[in-house]
C-alpha cells in the first residue's frame, strides 16, 4: 500500500481559550491507523499567520490538506486561508469539512477554490480520499464528498455514518500541543492547576430544533468501557482530571449513567466533568447520580420561557420542564448553563424580558450569562424558513449579512432592528450587572463588558466574542469568579 502524507490545519480563532478540536483529531487518528503520515498546524494555539503557513507549505509536500470550520468563521477567516493554501499546496488536494461546508458544499467549493468538501462525518471518507489521491482514482466513486473540477461541482451520494463508534481510534492527541490545550480553557468549578480536555461519548441527538444543524441523523453511542478507557489514558498521559463532554446528549438513560458510575469507581477515576442535556430527561435522580460521578456543571438549552416560541423552535419541551430542570440543578448543587436565545418568529419584548428573569432567578454565576439573537446558520430549518419567507436569498446572502453571533443576521421579529438592539443592550446590561454584584463586586469590570456590547450593537466593533470568551489580556479587566463554588 502506498503511504500518503496529510496536513491537518486548525485555523486561528483569535483568542487564548482554545478548545481541543475533536473532529480533526479523529481524522488524523484514522489516517495514521491506515498507515499514512500526518502533521498538524495549530494556528489557534500559536497564532501563526497566513504568511507563516505559506512558508511552511513551501518547504513541505503533502497529498491531502484538511481544514474543518464552522459557518461563523467562513468569511472572517476561511476564505483568505484557503487562498493561501491554494497558492502553496503544490499538488495536494485541499479538503474542507465540518458543520460549515457540509450543508452548502457547492457554494463553499466555488467560493474557496478548494478541491473537495467532506459532507458529514469523514473518518471513512478521508481514507478513501487518500487512496484516491495516491492511486489516481475516480472521485465520483467516493461517497460523502462534493468535488470541484474547474467551474463544475459534483455532489456525490452521502455516506452512512459509522454505527460502531468504538471502532474509531482515539483522537491523535500526540500530534497536538496537549500541554497548551489542556491548560487553555478554565471551566466551571475547575481549579487553576487542573487540566481539562474535550471528549465525546455519543454523536447526534434525539431532536431537531429549528436553529440547529446536525451533520448526521439519529444518535449513536460509544460503549461506556470505551469511554472510560479513553479517560484513563488522558489522565495518565496528560494529567487530565476535568472532561468537557461535547455530546449533545451525554445523559441518555439511568442504566447508562449507573454503568458509568460503576466503571469510574472500579477504575479509581476521580474526575470532574460537565455535560449537555435536555430538560425532558433531567430529573432529580439523574442530577444526584451525575454529581456522585463528579459532574459539576450541566449545560442545558432552555432556549425560551415562551411555550409558543419553544413550539416554533420544535424544541419538544415545555416551560414547566424548563423550570423544573433549573430548580433541580439548583437543589442538587450543580452549576447550570442557562442557555436562552431570542429573536425567533414569535419572540417579542416580553419574551426577552422573561428569558432574562429566568436566568436571574436560577443563576449559579459560573459563567457570565447573556442572551444572543438566534442565527439561521446554513443547513438548519430556520435557514430554509428564512429563504422561504424571502428574508435570505441563499448562502452568499447569509455570509454577506452575518458579522457576529451576538449580532442579528436575520430579524425574525416584528420589531425594528434599532429596537432589537436597544432591548438586547438593556437586558444584557442587567444580566452582567447582576453577575458581578453576586460574584466579585467589580463594577468597573462590569461596565467595561457592557461597553463592549454597546460598541458591538452600534457597529463600532464586530470582533467581540461575547461575555464568556476573552483573550487573556482582555480577561485582566474581568474579575475571576470563585471556581470552587460552594
Protein backbone atom coordinates (compact mmCIF):
# COMPACT_ATOMS: atom_id res chain seq x y z
CA UNK A 1 0.00 0.00 0.00
CA UNK A 2 1.25 3.46 -0.85
CA UNK A 3 1.90 5.76 2.08
CA UNK A 4 0.44 9.22 1.86
CA UNK A 5 1.09 12.40 3.78
CA UNK A 6 -1.63 14.66 5.18
CA UNK A 7 -1.65 18.04 6.88
CA UNK A 8 -4.45 18.94 9.30
CA UNK A 9 -4.84 22.69 9.82
CA UNK A 10 -6.64 24.18 12.84
CA UNK A 11 -7.48 27.75 11.88
CA UNK A 12 -7.00 30.66 14.27
CA UNK A 13 -9.88 31.76 16.49
CA UNK A 14 -8.05 34.92 17.66
CA UNK A 15 -8.41 34.05 21.34
CA UNK A 16 -6.41 32.30 24.05
CA UNK A 17 -9.05 29.92 25.40
CA UNK A 18 -8.89 27.32 22.63
CA UNK A 19 -10.89 24.11 22.89
CA UNK A 20 -9.26 20.91 21.62
CA UNK A 21 -10.75 20.09 18.21
CA UNK A 22 -12.04 16.52 18.32
CA UNK A 23 -13.08 16.27 14.65
CA UNK A 24 -9.64 16.91 13.14
CA UNK A 25 -8.01 14.76 15.84
CA UNK A 26 -10.25 11.80 14.94
CA UNK A 27 -9.48 12.29 11.24
CA UNK A 28 -5.76 12.35 11.98
CA UNK A 29 -6.05 9.15 14.03
CA UNK A 30 -7.86 7.34 11.22
CA UNK A 31 -5.23 8.36 8.69
CA UNK A 32 -2.45 7.15 10.94
CA UNK A 33 -4.24 3.87 11.60
CA UNK A 34 -4.40 3.35 7.83
CA UNK A 35 -0.62 3.77 7.64
CA UNK A 36 -0.37 7.36 6.44
CA UNK A 37 1.79 10.17 7.81
CA UNK A 38 0.04 13.13 9.41
CA UNK A 39 1.20 16.57 10.52
CA UNK A 40 -0.82 19.24 12.28
CA UNK A 41 -0.61 23.01 12.07
CA UNK A 42 -2.35 24.64 15.06
CA UNK A 43 -2.94 28.25 14.13
CA UNK A 44 -5.36 28.60 17.04
CA UNK A 45 -2.77 27.87 19.73
CA UNK A 46 0.28 29.51 18.14
CA UNK A 47 -1.49 32.26 16.13
CA UNK A 48 0.51 31.52 13.02
CA UNK A 49 -0.23 33.97 10.22
CA UNK A 50 -1.20 33.00 6.69
CA UNK A 51 2.25 34.11 5.57
CA UNK A 52 3.86 31.73 8.05
CA UNK A 53 1.61 28.94 6.78
CA UNK A 54 2.66 29.76 3.22
CA UNK A 55 6.34 29.44 4.14
CA UNK A 56 5.62 26.14 5.91
CA UNK A 57 3.80 24.76 2.86
CA UNK A 58 6.62 25.87 0.56
CA UNK A 59 9.00 23.62 2.49
CA UNK A 60 6.70 20.59 2.56
CA UNK A 61 4.98 18.11 0.26
CA UNK A 62 1.51 16.81 1.11
CA UNK A 63 -1.09 14.69 -0.63
CA UNK A 64 -4.07 15.95 1.37
CA UNK A 65 -4.60 19.15 3.35
CA UNK A 66 -7.62 19.14 5.65
CA UNK A 67 -9.41 22.12 7.17
CA UNK A 68 -12.57 21.95 9.30
CA UNK A 69 -14.64 25.00 10.17
CA UNK A 70 -17.95 26.36 11.41
CA UNK A 71 -20.01 28.77 9.32
CA UNK A 72 -19.34 31.64 11.72
CA UNK A 73 -15.66 31.70 10.69
CA UNK A 74 -16.11 31.32 6.95
CA UNK A 75 -15.89 34.88 5.71
CA UNK A 76 -13.71 36.21 8.51
CA UNK A 77 -11.04 33.52 8.33
CA UNK A 78 -11.54 30.59 6.00
CA UNK A 79 -11.76 32.29 2.59
CA UNK A 80 -8.39 34.05 2.89
CA UNK A 81 -6.85 30.97 4.50
CA UNK A 82 -7.94 28.87 1.52
CA UNK A 83 -6.42 31.40 -0.87
CA UNK A 84 -3.10 30.97 0.88
CA UNK A 85 -3.33 27.19 0.88
CA UNK A 86 -4.27 27.05 -2.80
CA UNK A 87 -1.28 29.19 -3.76
CA UNK A 88 1.20 27.00 -1.86
CA UNK A 89 -0.28 23.48 -1.72
CA UNK A 90 1.52 22.28 -4.89
CA UNK A 91 -0.22 19.04 -5.96
CA UNK A 92 -2.08 18.42 -2.71
CA UNK A 93 -5.86 18.28 -2.55
CA UNK A 94 -7.47 20.78 -0.19
CA UNK A 95 -10.39 19.12 1.57
CA UNK A 96 -12.81 21.14 3.71
CA UNK A 97 -15.08 19.57 6.30
CA UNK A 98 -17.25 20.10 9.34
CA UNK A 99 -20.57 21.80 10.05
CA UNK A 100 -19.69 24.87 7.98
CA UNK A 101 -19.34 23.41 4.48
CA UNK A 102 -21.40 20.21 4.82
CA UNK A 103 -24.84 21.70 4.01
CA UNK A 104 -23.62 24.07 1.27
CA UNK A 105 -20.75 22.26 -0.50
CA UNK A 106 -21.22 23.76 -3.96
CA UNK A 107 -21.14 27.34 -2.69
CA UNK A 108 -18.14 26.65 -0.46
CA UNK A 109 -16.14 24.97 -3.23
CA UNK A 110 -16.79 27.76 -5.72
CA UNK A 111 -16.04 30.47 -3.16
CA UNK A 112 -12.83 29.00 -1.74
CA UNK A 113 -11.40 27.17 -4.74
CA UNK A 114 -10.91 24.10 -2.56
CA UNK A 115 -10.89 20.71 -4.26
CA UNK A 116 -13.21 18.70 -2.02
CA UNK A 117 -15.82 19.10 0.69
CA UNK A 118 -16.40 16.19 3.01
CA UNK A 119 -20.10 16.13 3.83
CA UNK A 120 -20.85 14.86 7.31
CA UNK A 121 -18.53 12.69 9.37
CA UNK A 122 -15.38 11.79 7.45
CA UNK A 123 -13.49 9.06 9.33
CA UNK A 124 -14.08 6.59 6.49
CA UNK A 125 -14.24 9.18 3.74
CA UNK A 126 -10.77 10.54 4.45
CA UNK A 127 -9.19 7.09 3.96
CA UNK A 128 -10.86 6.64 0.57
CA UNK A 129 -9.81 10.16 -0.42
CA UNK A 130 -6.18 9.45 0.40
CA UNK A 131 -6.29 6.18 -1.56
CA UNK A 132 -7.91 8.00 -4.46
CA UNK A 133 -5.21 10.67 -4.43
CA UNK A 134 -2.35 8.18 -4.28
CA UNK A 135 -3.74 5.89 -6.98
CA UNK A 136 -5.23 8.46 -9.38
CA UNK A 137 -8.66 7.14 -8.51
CA UNK A 138 -12.09 8.37 -9.50
CA UNK A 139 -13.50 10.94 -7.06
CA UNK A 140 -17.02 10.30 -8.36
CA UNK A 141 -16.86 6.90 -6.64
CA UNK A 142 -16.11 8.32 -3.17
CA UNK A 143 -19.28 8.65 -1.13
CA UNK A 144 -19.76 11.59 1.20
CA UNK A 145 -17.95 14.24 -0.81
CA UNK A 146 -18.51 17.07 -3.23
CA UNK A 147 -15.63 17.90 -5.53
CA UNK A 148 -14.69 20.63 -7.94
CA UNK A 149 -13.29 20.25 -11.46
CA UNK A 150 -12.71 23.72 -12.84
CA UNK A 151 -16.01 25.57 -12.55
CA UNK A 152 -18.01 22.34 -12.27
CA UNK A 153 -19.01 20.82 -8.92
CA UNK A 154 -20.16 17.24 -8.47
CA UNK A 155 -22.05 16.24 -5.33
CA UNK A 156 -21.79 12.52 -4.61
CA UNK A 157 -24.28 10.46 -2.56
CA UNK A 158 -23.94 10.76 1.20
CA UNK A 159 -22.11 8.09 3.15
CA UNK A 160 -23.79 6.27 6.02
CA UNK A 161 -22.13 7.33 9.29
CA UNK A 162 -20.13 4.85 11.35
CA UNK A 163 -22.51 2.98 13.65
CA UNK A 164 -19.86 1.29 15.81
CA UNK A 165 -18.19 4.30 17.41
CA UNK A 166 -15.87 2.02 19.39
CA UNK A 167 -14.23 1.07 16.09
CA UNK A 168 -12.95 4.61 15.62
CA UNK A 169 -9.46 5.08 17.11
CA UNK A 170 -8.99 7.56 19.93
CA UNK A 171 -8.06 11.08 18.83
CA UNK A 172 -4.43 11.52 17.78
CA UNK A 173 -3.51 13.59 20.83
CA UNK A 174 0.23 13.10 20.24
CA UNK A 175 0.04 15.25 17.10
CA UNK A 176 -1.26 18.26 19.03
CA UNK A 177 0.30 20.56 21.67
CA UNK A 178 -1.57 18.91 24.52
CA UNK A 179 0.17 20.89 27.23
CA UNK A 180 -1.37 24.00 25.71
CA UNK A 181 -4.81 22.58 25.00
CA UNK A 182 -5.22 21.01 28.45
CA UNK A 183 -4.42 24.31 30.19
CA UNK A 184 -6.12 26.68 27.73
CA UNK A 185 -9.70 26.68 29.00
CA UNK A 186 -10.86 27.06 32.58
CA UNK A 187 -14.29 25.53 33.05
CA UNK A 188 -16.79 25.98 35.86
CA UNK A 189 -15.63 24.63 39.23
CA UNK A 190 -12.16 23.96 37.84
CA UNK A 191 -9.04 24.87 39.81
CA UNK A 192 -6.27 26.79 38.09
CA UNK A 193 -3.82 23.87 38.37
CA UNK A 194 -6.22 21.32 36.86
CA UNK A 195 -6.06 20.16 33.26
CA UNK A 196 -9.07 19.76 31.00
CA UNK A 197 -9.85 18.36 27.57
CA UNK A 198 -12.86 17.80 25.35
CA UNK A 199 -14.29 14.32 24.97
CA UNK A 200 -17.40 12.84 23.38
CA UNK A 201 -19.32 9.66 24.24
CA UNK A 202 -22.09 9.87 21.65
CA UNK A 203 -22.91 11.53 18.36
CA UNK A 204 -26.23 13.05 17.44
CA UNK A 205 -29.43 13.97 19.20
CA UNK A 206 -32.99 12.74 19.56
CA UNK A 207 -34.44 16.08 18.47
CA UNK A 208 -34.24 18.60 15.61
CA UNK A 209 -34.53 22.17 16.85
CA UNK A 210 -35.07 24.68 14.06
CA UNK A 211 -31.84 26.58 14.80
CA UNK A 212 -29.59 23.51 14.92
CA UNK A 213 -27.78 21.91 12.00
CA UNK A 214 -26.70 18.34 12.57
CA UNK A 215 -24.41 16.64 10.06
CA UNK A 216 -25.91 13.17 10.59
CA UNK A 217 -29.33 11.86 11.57
CA UNK A 218 -30.13 9.91 14.72
CA UNK A 219 -27.97 9.19 17.73
CA UNK A 220 -25.12 6.69 18.21
CA UNK A 221 -23.21 5.91 21.38
CA UNK A 222 -19.84 4.54 22.40
CA UNK A 223 -19.68 1.80 24.98
CA UNK A 224 -19.06 3.05 28.50
CA UNK A 225 -16.00 0.78 28.67
CA UNK A 226 -14.51 2.53 25.64
CA UNK A 227 -15.19 5.94 27.15
CA UNK A 228 -13.59 5.04 30.48
CA UNK A 229 -10.52 3.67 28.68
CA UNK A 230 -10.08 6.99 26.90
CA UNK A 231 -10.49 8.93 30.16
CA UNK A 232 -7.85 6.76 31.83
CA UNK A 233 -5.38 7.36 29.00
CA UNK A 234 -5.94 11.11 29.09
CA UNK A 235 -5.49 11.09 32.85
CA UNK A 236 -2.26 9.09 32.87
CA UNK A 237 -0.63 10.61 29.77
CA UNK A 238 -1.64 14.24 30.10
CA UNK A 239 -2.82 14.68 33.67
CA UNK A 240 -6.39 15.45 32.65
CA UNK A 241 -8.86 15.46 35.55
CA UNK A 242 -11.62 17.60 34.01
CA UNK A 243 -13.58 16.42 30.98
CA UNK A 244 -15.62 18.83 28.90
CA UNK A 245 -18.10 16.46 27.27
CA UNK A 246 -19.18 17.62 23.83
CA UNK A 247 -22.15 15.25 23.47
CA UNK A 248 -25.40 16.96 22.66
CA UNK A 249 -26.95 14.36 24.95
CA UNK A 250 -24.50 12.87 27.44
CA UNK A 251 -27.44 11.76 29.59
CA UNK A 252 -29.37 9.09 27.72
CA UNK A 253 -30.62 6.66 30.37
CA UNK A 254 -30.34 5.79 34.05
CA UNK A 255 -28.83 2.43 33.12
CA UNK A 256 -26.01 4.04 31.15
CA UNK A 257 -25.28 6.52 33.94
CA UNK A 258 -25.19 3.73 36.53
CA UNK A 259 -22.71 1.79 34.40
CA UNK A 260 -20.62 4.93 34.00
CA UNK A 261 -20.51 5.38 37.79
CA UNK A 262 -19.64 1.72 38.38
CA UNK A 263 -16.71 1.80 35.97
CA UNK A 264 -15.44 5.09 37.35
CA UNK A 265 -15.37 3.52 40.81
CA UNK A 266 -13.81 0.26 39.62
CA UNK A 267 -11.02 2.12 37.85
CA UNK A 268 -10.42 4.57 40.69
CA UNK A 269 -11.06 7.57 38.44
CA UNK A 270 -11.71 10.73 40.42
CA UNK A 271 -12.74 13.29 37.84
CA UNK A 272 -14.72 16.44 37.26
CA UNK A 273 -16.82 16.86 34.15
CA UNK A 274 -19.63 18.85 32.61
CA UNK A 275 -22.46 17.67 30.38
CA UNK A 276 -25.03 18.89 27.89
CA UNK A 277 -28.57 17.64 28.33
CA UNK A 278 -32.24 18.22 27.61
CA UNK A 279 -34.73 19.17 30.29
CA UNK A 280 -37.07 16.28 29.48
CA UNK A 281 -34.53 13.67 30.60
CA UNK A 282 -33.10 15.57 33.56
CA UNK A 283 -34.69 14.59 36.85
CA UNK A 284 -33.61 14.69 40.49
CA UNK A 285 -32.32 11.11 40.50
CA UNK A 286 -30.24 11.75 37.38
CA UNK A 287 -28.91 15.00 38.80
CA UNK A 288 -27.82 13.32 42.02
CA UNK A 289 -26.19 10.50 40.08
CA UNK A 290 -24.31 12.96 37.90
CA UNK A 291 -22.99 14.75 40.96
CA UNK A 292 -21.87 11.46 42.53
CA UNK A 293 -19.88 10.72 39.36
CA UNK A 294 -18.08 14.07 39.54
CA UNK A 295 -20.27 16.27 37.36
CA UNK A 296 -20.00 19.91 38.40
CA UNK A 297 -21.87 21.69 35.62
CA UNK A 298 -24.91 20.94 33.47
CA UNK A 299 -25.30 22.88 30.24
CA UNK A 300 -28.95 22.99 29.23
CA UNK A 301 -30.56 24.52 26.17
CA UNK A 302 -33.63 26.04 27.81
CA UNK A 303 -33.80 28.50 24.88
CA UNK A 304 -37.06 30.25 25.82
CA UNK A 305 -39.62 30.84 28.54
CA UNK A 306 -42.41 31.12 25.95
CA UNK A 307 -44.27 27.93 25.07
CA UNK A 308 -45.24 29.44 21.74
CA UNK A 309 -41.61 30.06 20.87
CA UNK A 310 -40.50 26.63 22.13
CA UNK A 311 -43.07 25.06 19.82
CA UNK A 312 -41.94 27.16 16.86
CA UNK A 313 -38.37 26.04 17.61
CA UNK A 314 -39.53 22.43 17.52
CA UNK A 315 -37.87 22.08 20.92
CA UNK A 316 -40.39 19.44 22.08
CA UNK A 317 -40.12 20.64 25.67
CA UNK A 318 -42.33 22.74 27.91
CA UNK A 319 -41.82 25.84 30.03
CA UNK A 320 -42.73 23.75 33.07
CA UNK A 321 -39.97 21.24 32.24
CA UNK A 322 -37.50 24.10 31.87
CA UNK A 323 -38.30 25.48 35.31
CA UNK A 324 -38.28 22.07 36.95
CA UNK A 325 -34.85 21.24 35.49
CA UNK A 326 -33.41 24.56 36.68
CA UNK A 327 -34.85 24.01 40.15
CA UNK A 328 -33.39 20.50 40.31
CA UNK A 329 -29.91 21.70 39.34
CA UNK A 330 -30.09 24.42 42.00
CA UNK A 331 -31.35 21.98 44.62
CA UNK A 332 -28.72 19.31 43.95
CA UNK A 333 -25.91 21.87 43.75
CA UNK A 334 -24.87 21.59 40.13
CA UNK A 335 -23.63 24.57 38.20
CA UNK A 336 -26.02 25.32 35.38
CA UNK A 337 -25.61 26.74 31.90
CA UNK A 338 -28.73 28.84 31.41
CA UNK A 339 -28.83 29.00 27.61
CA UNK A 340 -31.55 31.23 26.21
CA UNK A 341 -31.73 32.69 22.72
CA UNK A 342 -34.08 35.33 21.39
CA UNK A 343 -35.33 36.59 18.06
CA UNK A 344 -37.23 33.55 16.80
CA UNK A 345 -40.51 34.03 14.95
CA UNK A 346 -42.99 34.71 17.77
CA UNK A 347 -40.48 36.46 20.03
CA UNK A 348 -41.19 39.96 21.32
CA UNK A 349 -40.13 42.38 24.06
CA UNK A 350 -41.86 40.40 26.77
CA UNK A 351 -40.31 37.06 25.84
CA UNK A 352 -36.85 38.66 26.03
CA UNK A 353 -37.52 40.11 29.45
CA UNK A 354 -38.97 36.81 30.64
CA UNK A 355 -35.87 34.96 29.45
CA UNK A 356 -33.66 37.38 31.39
CA UNK A 357 -35.79 36.99 34.51
CA UNK A 358 -35.46 33.21 34.21
CA UNK A 359 -31.67 33.44 34.03
CA UNK A 360 -31.53 35.79 37.01
CA UNK A 361 -33.77 33.56 39.12
CA UNK A 362 -31.79 30.34 38.61
CA UNK A 363 -28.28 31.70 38.00
CA UNK A 364 -25.42 29.94 39.80
CA UNK A 365 -22.96 32.50 38.42
CA UNK A 366 -20.50 30.00 37.00
CA UNK A 367 -20.50 31.97 33.76
CA UNK A 368 -21.42 35.46 32.68
CA UNK A 369 -24.75 34.71 31.05
CA UNK A 370 -26.11 36.93 28.29
CA UNK A 371 -28.77 36.42 25.62
CA UNK A 372 -27.84 36.15 21.97
CA UNK A 373 -30.10 36.60 18.96
CA UNK A 374 -30.82 33.36 17.11
CA UNK A 375 -28.75 32.80 13.97
CA UNK A 376 -30.13 30.86 11.00
CA UNK A 377 -26.92 29.08 10.03
CA UNK A 378 -26.95 27.27 6.66
CA UNK A 379 -28.37 23.78 6.98
CA UNK A 380 -30.76 24.40 9.87
CA UNK A 381 -34.53 24.52 9.39
CA UNK A 382 -34.63 28.21 10.33
CA UNK A 383 -32.25 28.97 7.45
CA UNK A 384 -34.63 27.37 4.95
CA UNK A 385 -37.57 29.16 6.60
CA UNK A 386 -35.74 32.46 6.07
CA UNK A 387 -35.25 31.63 2.39
CA UNK A 388 -38.91 30.61 2.02
CA UNK A 389 -40.03 33.91 3.56
CA UNK A 390 -37.69 35.98 1.41
CA UNK A 391 -35.51 37.02 4.34
CA UNK A 392 -32.45 35.31 2.87
CA UNK A 393 -31.56 34.51 -0.73
CA UNK A 394 -29.04 31.75 -0.04
CA UNK A 395 -25.57 31.18 1.39
CA UNK A 396 -23.92 34.20 -0.22
CA UNK A 397 -26.61 36.48 1.20
CA UNK A 398 -26.20 34.85 4.62
CA UNK A 399 -22.44 35.40 4.70
CA UNK A 400 -22.81 38.98 3.50
CA UNK A 401 -25.18 39.67 6.40
CA UNK A 402 -23.53 37.60 9.14
CA UNK A 403 -20.96 39.53 11.17
CA UNK A 404 -21.00 38.05 14.65
CA UNK A 405 -23.12 35.55 16.58
CA UNK A 406 -24.07 38.33 19.03
CA UNK A 407 -25.49 40.38 16.14
CA UNK A 408 -28.71 39.88 14.22
CA UNK A 409 -28.27 38.27 10.80
CA UNK A 410 -31.97 37.89 10.04
CA UNK A 411 -34.61 39.76 12.04
CA UNK A 412 -37.47 37.29 12.54
CA UNK A 413 -39.31 39.57 14.99
CA UNK A 414 -41.84 42.31 14.22
CA UNK A 415 -39.59 44.87 15.92
CA UNK A 416 -37.41 47.44 14.08
CA UNK A 417 -33.75 46.43 14.20
CA UNK A 418 -32.77 49.51 16.24
CA UNK A 419 -35.30 48.50 18.89
CA UNK A 420 -33.97 44.93 18.85
CA UNK A 421 -30.51 46.17 19.77
CA UNK A 422 -31.86 48.61 22.38
CA UNK A 423 -33.61 45.72 24.08
CA UNK A 424 -30.62 43.38 23.87
CA UNK A 425 -28.35 46.01 25.41
CA UNK A 426 -30.85 46.76 28.16
CA UNK A 427 -31.38 43.12 29.08
CA UNK A 428 -27.75 42.05 28.80
CA UNK A 429 -26.63 45.06 30.82
CA UNK A 430 -28.93 43.90 33.60
CA UNK A 431 -27.59 40.34 33.44
CA UNK A 432 -23.96 41.49 33.51
CA UNK A 433 -24.51 43.82 36.46
CA UNK A 434 -26.35 41.06 38.32
CA UNK A 435 -23.44 38.69 37.72
CA UNK A 436 -20.78 41.00 39.10
CA UNK A 437 -22.91 42.05 42.07
CA UNK A 438 -23.15 38.38 43.02
CA UNK A 439 -19.51 37.47 42.35
CA UNK A 440 -16.56 39.86 42.54
CA UNK A 441 -18.38 43.13 43.03
CA UNK A 442 -16.04 44.66 40.45
CA UNK A 443 -18.43 47.05 38.76
CA UNK A 444 -15.68 48.63 36.67
CA UNK A 445 -15.23 45.25 35.02
CA UNK A 446 -18.98 45.03 34.51
CA UNK A 447 -19.12 48.43 32.83
CA UNK A 448 -16.15 47.52 30.64
CA UNK A 449 -18.02 44.46 29.39
CA UNK A 450 -21.24 46.42 28.87
CA UNK A 451 -19.35 48.97 26.74
CA UNK A 452 -18.18 46.14 24.52
CA UNK A 453 -21.76 45.07 23.92
CA UNK A 454 -22.80 48.68 23.28
CA UNK A 455 -19.98 49.15 20.76
CA UNK A 456 -20.90 45.87 19.08
CA UNK A 457 -24.59 46.71 18.78
CA UNK A 458 -23.87 50.20 17.42
CA UNK A 459 -21.40 48.97 14.80
CA UNK A 460 -18.21 50.37 16.34
CA UNK A 461 -16.68 46.88 16.63
CA UNK A 462 -17.54 43.47 15.20
CA UNK A 463 -14.85 41.13 16.58
CA UNK A 464 -16.12 40.97 20.17
CA UNK A 465 -16.62 37.29 21.10
CA UNK A 466 -19.24 37.65 23.81
CA UNK A 467 -19.20 37.61 27.57
CA UNK A 468 -17.79 34.14 28.08
CA UNK A 469 -14.85 34.27 25.64
CA UNK A 470 -11.99 36.62 26.34
CA UNK A 471 -8.33 36.80 25.44
CA UNK A 472 -6.08 36.69 28.49
CA UNK A 473 -5.25 40.36 28.03
CA UNK A 474 -8.93 41.20 27.99
CA UNK A 475 -9.56 38.92 30.94
CA UNK A 476 -7.37 41.15 33.11
CA UNK A 477 -10.29 43.56 33.11
CA UNK A 478 -12.78 40.90 34.17
CA UNK A 479 -12.64 39.59 37.72
CA UNK A 480 -12.31 35.84 38.08
CA UNK A 481 -15.23 34.16 39.80
CA UNK A 482 -14.79 31.57 42.52
CA UNK A 483 -14.12 28.36 40.56
CA UNK A 484 -14.71 26.19 43.62
CA UNK A 485 -18.31 27.19 44.07
CA UNK A 486 -19.73 26.35 47.45
